[in-house]
Amino acid sequence: MKILAGVDEVGRGSLIGPVYAAAVILNKSINKKLLKDSKSLTKNKREELDRYIKENSIWAIGQASTKEIETINILHASLLAMKRAILKLNKKPSLILVDGNKLPYLKNYKLEYVIKGDQKIPSISAASIIAKVSRDRFITKLSKQFNKYGWDTNSGYGTKEHLRAINKFGITKYHRKTFSPICDIL
């Protein structure tokens, strides 16, 4: 029996924190029409679908830390997070479809990339939702400790509010030191 998994990552463009990836194998009973790219959904709809997907799928989360991003760069860290998510699945997929145009290196796995896969392939859409909700929860928790940066609303992306806060309050240990404008400030 063919087992298909979808993989996507979130947080590549953020100025803070880890990059997250999810790998999802959908159950046959899941309503695939509900699954859309996480960026096209409201926060509440993502939360609702996150629960639905987790109840009706095999799924796993992987991440790469801020330190890993700074050491190996964001692309390789994203691929590492994807690899970690895939390896955590409790069933080995016969085919893994990855959003984007690059693949993590995994021996003995069949992987294919799909450009804009999060908009085309339900299992990749599901992965994008789970990864986004997981990372958003982590960033929201962090934002309570660093409430002056507005991370609860900007997820650490380079919004005007976040950039003003960096200039006023400085750089935290969660900021990616190799990312502009952080590296420019340092």
C-alpha atoms as a PDB file:
ATOM      1  CA  MET A   1       0.000   0.000   0.000  1.00  0.00           C
ATOM      2  CA  LYS A   2       1.326   3.425  -0.985  1.00  0.00           C
ATOM      3  CA  ILE A   3       1.808   5.821   1.929  1.00  0.00           C
ATOM      4  CA  LEU A   4       2.106   9.486   0.959  1.00  0.00           C
ATOM      5  CA  ALA A   5       3.508  12.164   3.273  1.00  0.00           C
ATOM      6  CA  GLY A   6       3.528  15.923   2.796  1.00  0.00           C
ATOM      7  CA  VAL A   7       6.208  18.179   4.295  1.00  0.00           C
ATOM      8  CA  ASP A   8       6.413  21.948   4.740  1.00  0.00           C
ATOM      9  CA  GLU A   9       8.336  24.433   6.879  1.00  0.00           C
ATOM     10  CA  VAL A  10       7.539  27.793   8.441  1.00  0.00           C
ATOM     11  CA  GLY A  11       9.541  30.646   9.900  1.00  0.00           C
ATOM     12  CA  ARG A  12      12.278  31.007   7.293  1.00  0.00           C
ATOM     13  CA  GLY A  13      11.851  34.763   6.978  1.00  0.00           C
ATOM     14  CA  SER A  14      11.418  35.501  10.667  1.00  0.00           C
ATOM     15  CA  LEU A  15      14.179  37.391  12.472  1.00  0.00           C
ATOM     16  CA  ILE A  16      13.816  35.202  15.570  1.00  0.00           C
ATOM     17  CA  GLY A  17      13.639  31.676  16.826  1.00  0.00           C
ATOM     18  CA  PRO A  18      13.718  28.231  15.305  1.00  0.00           C
ATOM     19  CA  VAL A  19      12.421  27.187  11.910  1.00  0.00           C
ATOM     20  CA  TYR A  20       9.699  24.517  12.169  1.00  0.00           C
ATOM     21  CA  ALA A  21       8.681  21.770   9.763  1.00  0.00           C
ATOM     22  CA  ALA A  22       5.894  19.216   9.820  1.00  0.00           C
ATOM     23  CA  ALA A  23       5.443  15.906   8.051  1.00  0.00           C
ATOM     24  CA  VAL A  24       1.895  14.578   7.642  1.00  0.00           C
ATOM     25  CA  ILE A  25       0.381  11.333   6.396  1.00  0.00           C
ATOM     26  CA  LEU A  26      -3.353  11.931   5.977  1.00  0.00           C
ATOM     27  CA  ASN A  27      -5.905   9.260   6.846  1.00  0.00           C
ATOM     28  CA  LYS A  28      -8.159   8.363   3.923  1.00  0.00           C
ATOM     29  CA  SER A  29     -11.220   9.645   5.832  1.00  0.00           C
ATOM     30  CA  ILE A  30      -9.961  13.232   6.160  1.00  0.00           C
ATOM     31  CA  ASN A  31     -11.854  15.945   4.263  1.00  0.00           C
ATOM     32  CA  LYS A  32      -9.138  17.203   1.914  1.00  0.00           C
ATOM     33  CA  LYS A  33     -11.292  20.133   0.737  1.00  0.00           C
ATOM     34  CA  LEU A  34     -10.761  21.789   4.135  1.00  0.00           C
ATOM     35  CA  LEU A  35      -6.978  21.801   3.749  1.00  0.00           C
ATOM     36  CA  LYS A  36      -5.456  24.990   2.358  1.00  0.00           C
ATOM     37  CA  ASP A  37      -2.115  26.771   2.567  1.00  0.00           C
ATOM     38  CA  SER A  38      -1.744  28.011   6.159  1.00  0.00           C
ATOM     39  CA  LYS A  39      -1.014  31.566   4.955  1.00  0.00           C
ATOM     40  CA  SER A  40      -4.501  31.786   3.422  1.00  0.00           C
ATOM     41  CA  LEU A  41      -6.291  30.869   6.671  1.00  0.00           C
ATOM     42  CA  THR A  42      -7.205  32.904   9.742  1.00  0.00           C
ATOM     43  CA  LYS A  43      -5.502  32.086  13.034  1.00  0.00           C
ATOM     44  CA  ASN A  44      -8.738  30.572  14.404  1.00  0.00           C
ATOM     45  CA  LYS A  45      -9.259  28.424  11.292  1.00  0.00           C
ATOM     46  CA  ARG A  46      -5.629  27.196  11.473  1.00  0.00           C
ATOM     47  CA  GLU A  47      -6.104  26.259  15.155  1.00  0.00           C
ATOM     48  CA  GLU A  48      -9.319  24.372  14.330  1.00  0.00           C
ATOM     49  CA  LEU A  49      -7.711  22.538  11.398  1.00  0.00           C
ATOM     50  CA  ASP A  50      -4.592  21.782  13.453  1.00  0.00           C
ATOM     51  CA  ARG A  51      -6.757  19.786  15.903  1.00  0.00           C
ATOM     52  CA  TYR A  52      -8.682  18.113  13.051  1.00  0.00           C
ATOM     53  CA  ILE A  53      -5.503  17.111  11.171  1.00  0.00           C
ATOM     54  CA  LYS A  54      -3.799  15.782  14.309  1.00  0.00           C
ATOM     55  CA  GLU A  55      -6.865  13.665  15.158  1.00  0.00           C
ATOM     56  CA  ASN A  56      -7.068  12.268  11.602  1.00  0.00           C
ATOM     57  CA  SER A  57      -3.441  11.835  10.548  1.00  0.00           C
ATOM     58  CA  ILE A  58       0.003  10.582  11.366  1.00  0.00           C
ATOM     59  CA  TRP A  59       2.126  13.676  11.936  1.00  0.00           C
ATOM     60  CA  ALA A  60       5.418  14.873  13.356  1.00  0.00           C
ATOM     61  CA  ILE A  61       7.174  18.188  13.976  1.00  0.00           C
ATOM     62  CA  GLY A  62      10.843  18.930  13.464  1.00  0.00           C
ATOM     63  CA  GLN A  63      12.753  22.105  14.111  1.00  0.00           C
ATOM     64  CA  ALA A  64      16.161  23.666  13.784  1.00  0.00           C
ATOM     65  CA  SER A  65      17.312  26.112  16.438  1.00  0.00           C
ATOM     66  CA  THR A  66      18.408  29.716  16.081  1.00  0.00           C
ATOM     67  CA  LYS A  67      21.991  28.545  16.679  1.00  0.00           C
ATOM     68  CA  GLU A  68      21.699  25.946  13.896  1.00  0.00           C
ATOM     69  CA  ILE A  69      20.260  28.592  11.541  1.00  0.00           C
ATOM     70  CA  GLU A  70      23.229  30.852  12.293  1.00  0.00           C
ATOM     71  CA  THR A  71      25.709  27.992  11.817  1.00  0.00           C
ATOM     72  CA  ILE A  72      24.434  26.258   8.667  1.00  0.00           C
ATOM     73  CA  ASN A  73      22.174  29.012   7.178  1.00  0.00           C
ATOM     74  CA  ILE A  74      18.392  29.164   6.916  1.00  0.00           C
ATOM     75  CA  LEU A  75      18.044  26.929   3.849  1.00  0.00           C
ATOM     76  CA  HIS A  76      20.043  24.068   5.365  1.00  0.00           C
ATOM     77  CA  ALA A  77      18.327  24.569   8.734  1.00  0.00           C
ATOM     78  CA  SER A  78      14.913  24.339   7.008  1.00  0.00           C
ATOM     79  CA  LEU A  79      15.957  21.111   5.307  1.00  0.00           C
ATOM     80  CA  LEU A  80      17.258  19.792   8.651  1.00  0.00           C
ATOM     81  CA  ALA A  81      13.912  20.589  10.328  1.00  0.00           C
ATOM     82  CA  MET A  82      12.122  18.738   7.492  1.00  0.00           C
ATOM     83  CA  LYS A  83      14.433  15.735   7.844  1.00  0.00           C
ATOM     84  CA  ARG A  84      13.794  15.622  11.603  1.00  0.00           C
ATOM     85  CA  ALA A  85      10.018  15.746  11.069  1.00  0.00           C
ATOM     86  CA  ILE A  86      10.125  12.936   8.489  1.00  0.00           C
ATOM     87  CA  LEU A  87      12.288  10.722  10.710  1.00  0.00           C
ATOM     88  CA  LYS A  88       9.873  11.206  13.640  1.00  0.00           C
ATOM     89  CA  LEU A  89       6.883   9.804  11.705  1.00  0.00           C
ATOM     90  CA  ASN A  90       5.846   6.487  13.212  1.00  0.00           C
ATOM     91  CA  LYS A  91       5.182   5.068   9.729  1.00  0.00           C
ATOM     92  CA  LYS A  92       7.647   5.197   6.835  1.00  0.00           C
ATOM     93  CA  PRO A  93       6.069   6.841   3.776  1.00  0.00           C
ATOM     94  CA  SER A  94       6.603   5.336   0.320  1.00  0.00           C
ATOM     95  CA  LEU A  95       6.642   8.859  -1.153  1.00  0.00           C
ATOM     96  CA  ILE A  96       7.303  12.221   0.473  1.00  0.00           C
ATOM     97  CA  LEU A  97       6.181  15.410  -1.259  1.00  0.00           C
ATOM     98  CA  VAL A  98       8.068  18.482  -0.059  1.00  0.00           C
ATOM     99  CA  ASP A  99       6.921  22.075  -0.576  1.00  0.00           C
ATOM    100  CA  GLY A 100       9.439  24.191  -2.504  1.00  0.00           C
ATOM    101  CA  ASN A 101      12.302  23.397  -4.839  1.00  0.00           C
ATOM    102  CA  LYS A 102      14.836  21.710  -2.524  1.00  0.00           C
ATOM    103  CA  LEU A 103      14.850  18.360  -0.748  1.00  0.00           C
ATOM    104  CA  PRO A 104      16.346  17.236   2.541  1.00  0.00           C
ATOM    105  CA  TYR A 105      18.860  14.437   2.133  1.00  0.00           C
ATOM    106  CA  LEU A 106      17.490  11.152   3.442  1.00  0.00           C
ATOM    107  CA  LYS A 107      18.869   7.737   2.557  1.00  0.00           C
ATOM    108  CA  ASN A 108      16.290   5.086   1.613  1.00  0.00           C
ATOM    109  CA  TYR A 109      13.406   7.558   1.214  1.00  0.00           C
ATOM    110  CA  LYS A 110      11.717   8.622  -2.023  1.00  0.00           C
ATOM    111  CA  LEU A 111      11.262  12.404  -2.033  1.00  0.00           C
ATOM    112  CA  GLU A 112       9.952  14.835  -4.645  1.00  0.00           C
ATOM    113  CA  TYR A 113       9.580  18.561  -4.397  1.00  0.00           C
ATOM    114  CA  VAL A 114       6.445  20.440  -5.452  1.00  0.00           C
ATOM    115  CA  ILE A 115       6.679  24.177  -6.070  1.00  0.00           C
ATOM    116  CA  LYS A 116       3.732  25.874  -4.324  1.00  0.00           C
ATOM    117  CA  GLY A 117       2.856  22.434  -2.963  1.00  0.00           C
ATOM    118  CA  ASP A 118       1.140  24.001   0.050  1.00  0.00           C
ATOM    119  CA  GLN A 119      -1.490  25.307  -2.405  1.00  0.00           C
ATOM    120  CA  LYS A 120      -1.795  22.090  -4.456  1.00  0.00           C
ATOM    121  CA  ILE A 121      -1.256  18.999  -2.304  1.00  0.00           C
ATOM    122  CA  PRO A 122      -3.554  18.407   0.726  1.00  0.00           C
ATOM    123  CA  SER A 123      -0.895  16.608   2.808  1.00  0.00           C
ATOM    124  CA  ILE A 124       1.537  19.520   2.264  1.00  0.00           C
ATOM    125  CA  SER A 125      -1.248  21.990   3.173  1.00  0.00           C
ATOM    126  CA  ALA A 126      -1.831  19.974   6.351  1.00  0.00           C
ATOM    127  CA  ALA A 127       1.902  20.079   7.127  1.00  0.00           C
ATOM    128  CA  SER A 128       1.959  23.851   6.597  1.00  0.00           C
ATOM    129  CA  ILE A 129      -0.947  24.270   9.039  1.00  0.00           C
ATOM    130  CA  ILE A 130       0.563  22.089  11.776  1.00  0.00           C
ATOM    131  CA  ALA A 131       4.014  23.665  11.423  1.00  0.00           C
ATOM    132  CA  LYS A 132       2.574  27.213  11.499  1.00  0.00           C
ATOM    133  CA  VAL A 133       0.368  26.586  14.537  1.00  0.00           C
ATOM    134  CA  SER A 134       3.234  24.896  16.404  1.00  0.00           C
ATOM    135  CA  ARG A 135       5.702  27.707  15.700  1.00  0.00           C
ATOM    136  CA  ASP A 136       3.117  30.410  16.446  1.00  0.00           C
ATOM    137  CA  ARG A 137       2.429  28.817  19.845  1.00  0.00           C
ATOM    138  CA  PHE A 138       6.150  28.794  20.646  1.00  0.00           C
ATOM    139  CA  ILE A 139       6.601  32.427  19.545  1.00  0.00           C
ATOM    140  CA  THR A 140       3.483  33.536  21.475  1.00  0.00           C
ATOM    141  CA  LYS A 141       4.940  31.939  24.613  1.00  0.00           C
ATOM    142  CA  LEU A 142       8.275  33.700  23.980  1.00  0.00           C
ATOM    143  CA  SER A 143       6.498  37.011  23.442  1.00  0.00           C
ATOM    144  CA  LYS A 144       5.274  36.999  27.048  1.00  0.00           C
ATOM    145  CA  GLN A 145       8.917  37.173  28.151  1.00  0.00           C
ATOM    146  CA  PHE A 146       9.825  39.731  25.445  1.00  0.00           C
ATOM    147  CA  ASN A 147       6.546  41.663  25.221  1.00  0.00           C
ATOM    148  CA  LYS A 148       8.110  44.889  23.913  1.00  0.00           C
ATOM    149  CA  TYR A 149       8.843  43.321  20.485  1.00  0.00           C
ATOM    150  CA  GLY A 150       5.250  42.480  19.474  1.00  0.00           C
ATOM    151  CA  TRP A 151       6.140  38.896  18.600  1.00  0.00           C
ATOM    152  CA  ASP A 152       2.625  37.762  19.520  1.00  0.00           C
ATOM    153  CA  THR A 153       1.361  39.666  16.448  1.00  0.00           C
ATOM    154  CA  ASN A 154       4.394  39.797  14.104  1.00  0.00           C
ATOM    155  CA  SER A 155       5.812  36.268  14.788  1.00  0.00           C
ATOM    156  CA  GLY A 156       9.268  37.825  14.792  1.00  0.00           C
ATOM    157  CA  TYR A 157       9.121  39.033  11.187  1.00  0.00           C
ATOM    158  CA  GLY A 158      10.715  42.373  10.315  1.00  0.00           C
ATOM    159  CA  THR A 159       7.670  44.607  10.756  1.00  0.00           C
ATOM    160  CA  LYS A 160       8.077  48.320  11.525  1.00  0.00           C
ATOM    161  CA  GLU A 161       6.994  47.636  15.118  1.00  0.00           C
ATOM    162  CA  HIS A 162       9.590  44.883  15.567  1.00  0.00           C
ATOM    163  CA  LEU A 163      12.409  46.904  13.951  1.00  0.00           C
ATOM    164  CA  ARG A 164      11.587  49.920  16.170  1.00  0.00           C
ATOM    165  CA  ALA A 165      11.690  47.636  19.245  1.00  0.00           C
ATOM    166  CA  ILE A 166      15.072  46.221  18.195  1.00  0.00           C
ATOM    167  CA  ASN A 167      16.471  49.736  17.862  1.00  0.00           C
ATOM    168  CA  LYS A 168      15.014  50.755  21.223  1.00  0.00           C
ATOM    169  CA  PHE A 169      15.514  47.603  23.357  1.00  0.00           C
ATOM    170  CA  GLY A 170      18.308  45.775  21.561  1.00  0.00           C
ATOM    171  CA  ILE A 171      18.789  42.257  20.290  1.00  0.00           C
ATOM    172  CA  THR A 172      17.730  39.181  22.281  1.00  0.00           C
ATOM    173  CA  LYS A 173      19.279  35.724  22.365  1.00  0.00           C
ATOM    174  CA  TYR A 174      16.417  34.611  20.097  1.00  0.00           C
ATOM    175  CA  HIS A 175      17.297  36.998  17.268  1.00  0.00           C
ATOM    176  CA  ARG A 176      19.077  35.417  14.307  1.00  0.00           C
ATOM    177  CA  LYS A 177      22.444  37.189  14.339  1.00  0.00           C
ATOM    178  CA  THR A 178      23.215  36.331  10.685  1.00  0.00           C
ATOM    179  CA  PHE A 179      19.988  37.951   9.415  1.00  0.00           C
ATOM    180  CA  SER A 180      19.805  41.529   8.197  1.00  0.00           C
ATOM    181  CA  PRO A 181      19.157  43.989   9.868  1.00  0.00           C
ATOM    182  CA  ILE A 182      20.356  42.156  13.020  1.00  0.00           C
ATOM    183  CA  CYS A 183      23.871  41.570  11.644  1.00  0.00           C
ATOM    184  CA  ASP A 184      23.999  45.225  10.505  1.00  0.00           C
ATOM    185  CA  ILE A 185      23.172  46.421  14.020  1.00  0.00           C
ATOM    186  CA  LEU A 186      25.823  44.131  15.535  1.00  0.00           C
END
